[in-house]
């Protein structure tokens, strides 16, 4: 994790890569910006609770 407030070069690098909002997530071949629960679920699917 990188705090772009503390590492200004990181913010410049992300902008150069086309990202325009935070957070930026990079995980393997996937990357995205903004709050994306759908993408988070692709990385770590939530198991469905069994009906009791």
PDB file of N, CA and C in Angstrom:
ATOM      1  N   UNK A   1       0.850  -1.157   0.000  1.00  0.00           N
ATOM      2  CA  UNK A   1       0.000   0.000   0.000  1.00  0.00           C
ATOM      3  C   UNK A   1       0.906   1.233   0.000  1.00  0.00           C
ATOM      4  N   UNK A   2       0.514   2.217  -0.782  1.00  0.00           N
ATOM      5  CA  UNK A   2       1.277   3.457  -0.884  1.00  0.00           C
ATOM      6  C   UNK A   2       0.340   4.620  -0.612  1.00  0.00           C
ATOM      7  N   UNK A   3       0.742   5.505   0.271  1.00  0.00           N
ATOM      8  CA  UNK A   3      -0.019   6.713   0.561  1.00  0.00           C
ATOM      9  C   UNK A   3       0.477   7.810  -0.380  1.00  0.00           C
ATOM     10  N   UNK A   4      -0.356   8.211  -1.333  1.00  0.00           N
ATOM     11  CA  UNK A   4       0.078   9.204  -2.325  1.00  0.00           C
ATOM     12  C   UNK A   4       0.288  10.579  -1.707  1.00  0.00           C
ATOM     13  N   UNK A   5      -0.246  10.806  -0.504  1.00  0.00           N
ATOM     14  CA  UNK A   5       0.036  12.071   0.183  1.00  0.00           C
ATOM     15  C   UNK A   5       1.488  12.119   0.657  1.00  0.00           C
ATOM     16  N   UNK A   6       2.046  10.955   0.950  1.00  0.00           N
ATOM     17  CA  UNK A   6       3.422  10.890   1.440  1.00  0.00           C
ATOM     18  C   UNK A   6       4.432  10.616   0.333  1.00  0.00           C
ATOM     19  N   UNK A   7       3.948  10.111  -0.808  1.00  0.00           N
ATOM     20  CA  UNK A   7       4.834   9.776  -1.937  1.00  0.00           C
ATOM     21  C   UNK A   7       4.267  10.439  -3.197  1.00  0.00           C
ATOM     22  N   UNK A   8       4.542  11.734  -3.374  1.00  0.00           N
ATOM     23  CA  UNK A   8       3.974  12.460  -4.519  1.00  0.00           C
ATOM     24  C   UNK A   8       4.307  11.838  -5.872  1.00  0.00           C
ATOM     25  N   UNK A   9       5.475  11.228  -6.010  1.00  0.00           N
ATOM     26  CA  UNK A   9       5.826  10.587  -7.287  1.00  0.00           C
ATOM     27  C   UNK A   9       4.870   9.454  -7.617  1.00  0.00           C
ATOM     28  N   UNK A  10       4.339   8.797  -6.598  1.00  0.00           N
ATOM     29  CA  UNK A  10       3.384   7.708  -6.829  1.00  0.00           C
ATOM     30  C   UNK A  10       2.115   8.253  -7.473  1.00  0.00           C
ATOM     31  N   UNK A  11       1.646   9.402  -7.009  1.00  0.00           N
ATOM     32  CA  UNK A  11       0.453  10.017  -7.600  1.00  0.00           C
ATOM     33  C   UNK A  11       0.703  10.365  -9.062  1.00  0.00           C
ATOM     34  N   UNK A  12       1.872  10.901  -9.361  1.00  0.00           N
ATOM     35  CA  UNK A  12       2.215  11.238 -10.750  1.00  0.00           C
ATOM     36  C   UNK A  12       2.246   9.987 -11.624  1.00  0.00           C
ATOM     37  N   UNK A  13       2.802   8.912 -11.099  1.00  0.00           N
ATOM     38  CA  UNK A  13       2.873   7.654 -11.846  1.00  0.00           C
ATOM     39  C   UNK A  13       1.481   7.116 -12.136  1.00  0.00           C
ATOM     40  N   UNK A  14       0.606   7.158 -11.142  1.00  0.00           N
ATOM     41  CA  UNK A  14      -0.762   6.664 -11.342  1.00  0.00           C
ATOM     42  C   UNK A  14      -1.505   7.504 -12.377  1.00  0.00           C
ATOM     43  N   UNK A  15      -1.335   8.822 -12.310  1.00  0.00           N
ATOM     44  CA  UNK A  15      -1.974   9.697 -13.305  1.00  0.00           C
ATOM     45  C   UNK A  15      -1.457   9.376 -14.706  1.00  0.00           C
ATOM     46  N   UNK A  16      -0.160   9.146 -14.829  1.00  0.00           N
ATOM     47  CA  UNK A  16       0.432   8.823 -16.132  1.00  0.00           C
ATOM     48  C   UNK A  16      -0.111   7.503 -16.676  1.00  0.00           C
ATOM     49  N   UNK A  17      -0.530   6.609 -15.783  1.00  0.00           N
ATOM     50  CA  UNK A  17      -1.102   5.328 -16.197  1.00  0.00           C
ATOM     51  C   UNK A  17      -2.597   5.438 -16.485  1.00  0.00           C
ATOM     52  N   UNK A  18      -3.159   6.649 -16.313  1.00  0.00           N
ATOM     53  CA  UNK A  18      -4.553   6.869 -16.666  1.00  0.00           C
ATOM     54  C   UNK A  18      -5.536   6.832 -15.512  1.00  0.00           C
ATOM     55  N   UNK A  19      -5.060   6.593 -14.306  1.00  0.00           N
ATOM     56  CA  UNK A  19      -5.957   6.570 -13.151  1.00  0.00           C
ATOM     57  C   UNK A  19      -6.294   7.994 -12.743  1.00  0.00           C
ATOM     58  N   UNK A  20      -7.573   8.217 -12.420  1.00  0.00           N
ATOM     59  CA  UNK A  20      -8.023   9.561 -12.085  1.00  0.00           C
ATOM     60  C   UNK A  20      -8.691   9.663 -10.722  1.00  0.00           C
ATOM     61  N   UNK A  21      -8.833   8.537 -10.025  1.00  0.00           N
ATOM     62  CA  UNK A  21      -9.448   8.572  -8.699  1.00  0.00           C
ATOM     63  C   UNK A  21      -8.816   7.514  -7.809  1.00  0.00           C
ATOM     64  N   UNK A  22      -8.989   7.704  -6.521  1.00  0.00           N
ATOM     65  CA  UNK A  22      -8.482   6.759  -5.531  1.00  0.00           C
ATOM     66  C   UNK A  22      -9.643   6.007  -4.916  1.00  0.00           C
ATOM     67  N   UNK A  23      -9.437   4.850  -4.392  1.00  0.00           N
ATOM     68  CA  UNK A  23      -8.189   4.117  -4.357  1.00  0.00           C
ATOM     69  C   UNK A  23      -7.879   3.476  -5.701  1.00  0.00           C
ATOM     70  N   UNK A  24      -6.621   3.181  -5.909  1.00  0.00           N
ATOM     71  CA  UNK A  24      -6.184   2.394  -7.060  1.00  0.00           C
ATOM     72  C   UNK A  24      -5.781   1.028  -6.522  1.00  0.00           C
ATOM     73  N   UNK A  25      -6.317  -0.008  -7.137  1.00  0.00           N
ATOM     74  CA  UNK A  25      -6.010  -1.382  -6.730  1.00  0.00           C
ATOM     75  C   UNK A  25      -5.284  -2.059  -7.884  1.00  0.00           C
ATOM     76  N   UNK A  26      -4.166  -2.681  -7.568  1.00  0.00           N
ATOM     77  CA  UNK A  26      -3.415  -3.473  -8.549  1.00  0.00           C
ATOM     78  C   UNK A  26      -3.189  -4.839  -7.928  1.00  0.00           C
ATOM     79  N   UNK A  27      -3.758  -5.845  -8.572  1.00  0.00           N
ATOM     80  CA  UNK A  27      -3.655  -7.212  -8.054  1.00  0.00           C
ATOM     81  C   UNK A  27      -3.451  -8.157  -9.229  1.00  0.00           C
ATOM     82  N   UNK A  28      -2.246  -8.627  -9.388  1.00  0.00           N
ATOM     83  CA  UNK A  28      -1.953  -9.499 -10.523  1.00  0.00           C
ATOM     84  C   UNK A  28      -2.175  -8.766 -11.833  1.00  0.00           C
ATOM     85  N   UNK A  29      -2.995  -9.350 -12.706  1.00  0.00           N
ATOM     86  CA  UNK A  29      -3.292  -8.745 -14.005  1.00  0.00           C
ATOM     87  C   UNK A  29      -4.425  -7.734 -13.941  1.00  0.00           C
ATOM     88  N   UNK A  30      -5.085  -7.612 -12.792  1.00  0.00           N
ATOM     89  CA  UNK A  30      -6.214  -6.700 -12.643  1.00  0.00           C
ATOM     90  C   UNK A  30      -5.764  -5.386 -12.026  1.00  0.00           C
ATOM     91  N   UNK A  31      -6.354  -4.302 -12.493  1.00  0.00           N
ATOM     92  CA  UNK A  31      -6.148  -3.003 -11.856  1.00  0.00           C
ATOM     93  C   UNK A  31      -7.368  -2.145 -12.133  1.00  0.00           C
ATOM     94  N   UNK A  32      -7.730  -1.324 -11.143  1.00  0.00           N
ATOM     95  CA  UNK A  32      -8.866  -0.424 -11.283  1.00  0.00           C
ATOM     96  C   UNK A  32      -8.746   0.684 -10.266  1.00  0.00           C
ATOM     97  N   UNK A  33      -9.567   1.705 -10.440  1.00  0.00           N
ATOM     98  CA  UNK A  33      -9.607   2.792  -9.468  1.00  0.00           C
ATOM     99  C   UNK A  33     -11.038   3.014  -9.031  1.00  0.00           C
ATOM    100  N   UNK A  34     -11.164   3.611  -7.863  1.00  0.00           N
ATOM    101  CA  UNK A  34     -12.483   3.856  -7.292  1.00  0.00           C
ATOM    102  C   UNK A  34     -12.959   2.661  -6.485  1.00  0.00           C
ATOM    103  N   UNK A  35     -14.025   2.866  -5.746  1.00  0.00           N
ATOM    104  CA  UNK A  35     -14.601   1.800  -4.920  1.00  0.00           C
ATOM    105  C   UNK A  35     -15.378   0.864  -5.819  1.00  0.00           C
ATOM    106  N   UNK A  36     -14.911  -0.366  -5.979  1.00  0.00           N
ATOM    107  CA  UNK A  36     -15.503  -1.340  -6.900  1.00  0.00           C
ATOM    108  C   UNK A  36     -15.741  -2.668  -6.182  1.00  0.00           C
ATOM    109  N   UNK A  37     -16.843  -2.784  -5.439  1.00  0.00           N
ATOM    110  CA  UNK A  37     -17.123  -4.052  -4.754  1.00  0.00           C
ATOM    111  C   UNK A  37     -17.174  -5.232  -5.715  1.00  0.00           C
ATOM    112  N   UNK A  38     -17.642  -5.014  -6.947  1.00  0.00           N
ATOM    113  CA  UNK A  38     -17.711  -6.110  -7.914  1.00  0.00           C
ATOM    114  C   UNK A  38     -16.322  -6.652  -8.237  1.00  0.00           C
ATOM    115  N   UNK A  39     -15.355  -5.773  -8.351  1.00  0.00           N
ATOM    116  CA  UNK A  39     -13.991  -6.210  -8.641  1.00  0.00           C
ATOM    117  C   UNK A  39     -13.341  -6.846  -7.410  1.00  0.00           C
ATOM    118  N   UNK A  40     -13.631  -6.311  -6.243  1.00  0.00           N
ATOM    119  CA  UNK A  40     -13.110  -6.910  -5.014  1.00  0.00           C
ATOM    120  C   UNK A  40     -13.623  -8.336  -4.895  1.00  0.00           C
ATOM    121  N   UNK A  41     -14.890  -8.547  -5.226  1.00  0.00           N
ATOM    122  CA  UNK A  41     -15.463  -9.893  -5.160  1.00  0.00           C
ATOM    123  C   UNK A  41     -14.830 -10.833  -6.182  1.00  0.00           C
ATOM    124  N   UNK A  42     -14.351 -10.307  -7.299  1.00  0.00           N
ATOM    125  CA  UNK A  42     -13.644 -11.158  -8.268  1.00  0.00           C
ATOM    126  C   UNK A  42     -12.345 -11.685  -7.667  1.00  0.00           C
ATOM    127  N   UNK A  43     -11.706 -10.866  -6.844  1.00  0.00           N
ATOM    128  CA  UNK A  43     -10.458 -11.285  -6.212  1.00  0.00           C
ATOM    129  C   UNK A  43     -10.697 -12.232  -5.049  1.00  0.00           C
ATOM    130  N   UNK A  44     -11.751 -11.958  -4.293  1.00  0.00           N
ATOM    131  CA  UNK A  44     -12.034 -12.733  -3.082  1.00  0.00           C
ATOM    132  C   UNK A  44     -13.536 -12.960  -2.995  1.00  0.00           C
ATOM    133  N   UNK A  45     -14.044 -13.958  -3.714  1.00  0.00           N
ATOM    134  CA  UNK A  45     -15.493 -14.199  -3.704  1.00  0.00           C
ATOM    135  C   UNK A  45     -16.000 -14.514  -2.298  1.00  0.00           C
ATOM    136  N   UNK A  46     -17.152 -13.977  -1.985  1.00  0.00           N
ATOM    137  CA  UNK A  46     -17.791 -14.246  -0.703  1.00  0.00           C
ATOM    138  C   UNK A  46     -18.594 -15.527  -0.823  1.00  0.00           C
ATOM    139  N   UNK A  47     -18.345 -16.500   0.049  1.00  0.00           N
ATOM    140  CA  UNK A  47     -19.142 -17.732  -0.024  1.00  0.00           C
ATOM    141  C   UNK A  47     -20.589 -17.443   0.352  1.00  0.00           C
ATOM    142  N   UNK A  48     -21.500 -18.081  -0.358  1.00  0.00           N
ATOM    143  CA  UNK A  48     -22.917 -17.902  -0.060  1.00  0.00           C
ATOM    144  C   UNK A  48     -23.275 -18.737   1.157  1.00  0.00           C
ATOM    145  N   UNK A  49     -24.056 -18.146   2.046  1.00  0.00           N
ATOM    146  CA  UNK A  49     -24.481 -18.866   3.246  1.00  0.00           C
ATOM    147  C   UNK A  49     -25.495 -19.933   2.851  1.00  0.00           C
ATOM    148  N   UNK A  50     -25.353 -21.097   3.422  1.00  0.00           N
ATOM    149  CA  UNK A  50     -26.301 -22.191   3.157  1.00  0.00           C
ATOM    150  C   UNK A  50     -27.603 -21.907   3.885  1.00  0.00           C
ATOM    151  N   UNK A  51     -28.702 -22.207   3.222  1.00  0.00           N
ATOM    152  CA  UNK A  51     -30.000 -22.026   3.870  1.00  0.00           C
ATOM    153  C   UNK A  51     -30.172 -23.088   4.940  1.00  0.00           C
ATOM    154  N   UNK A  52     -30.589 -22.665   6.127  1.00  0.00           N
ATOM    155  CA  UNK A  52     -30.752 -23.613   7.244  1.00  0.00           C
ATOM    156  C   UNK A  52     -32.136 -24.190   7.270  1.00  0.00           C
TER     157      UNK A  52
END
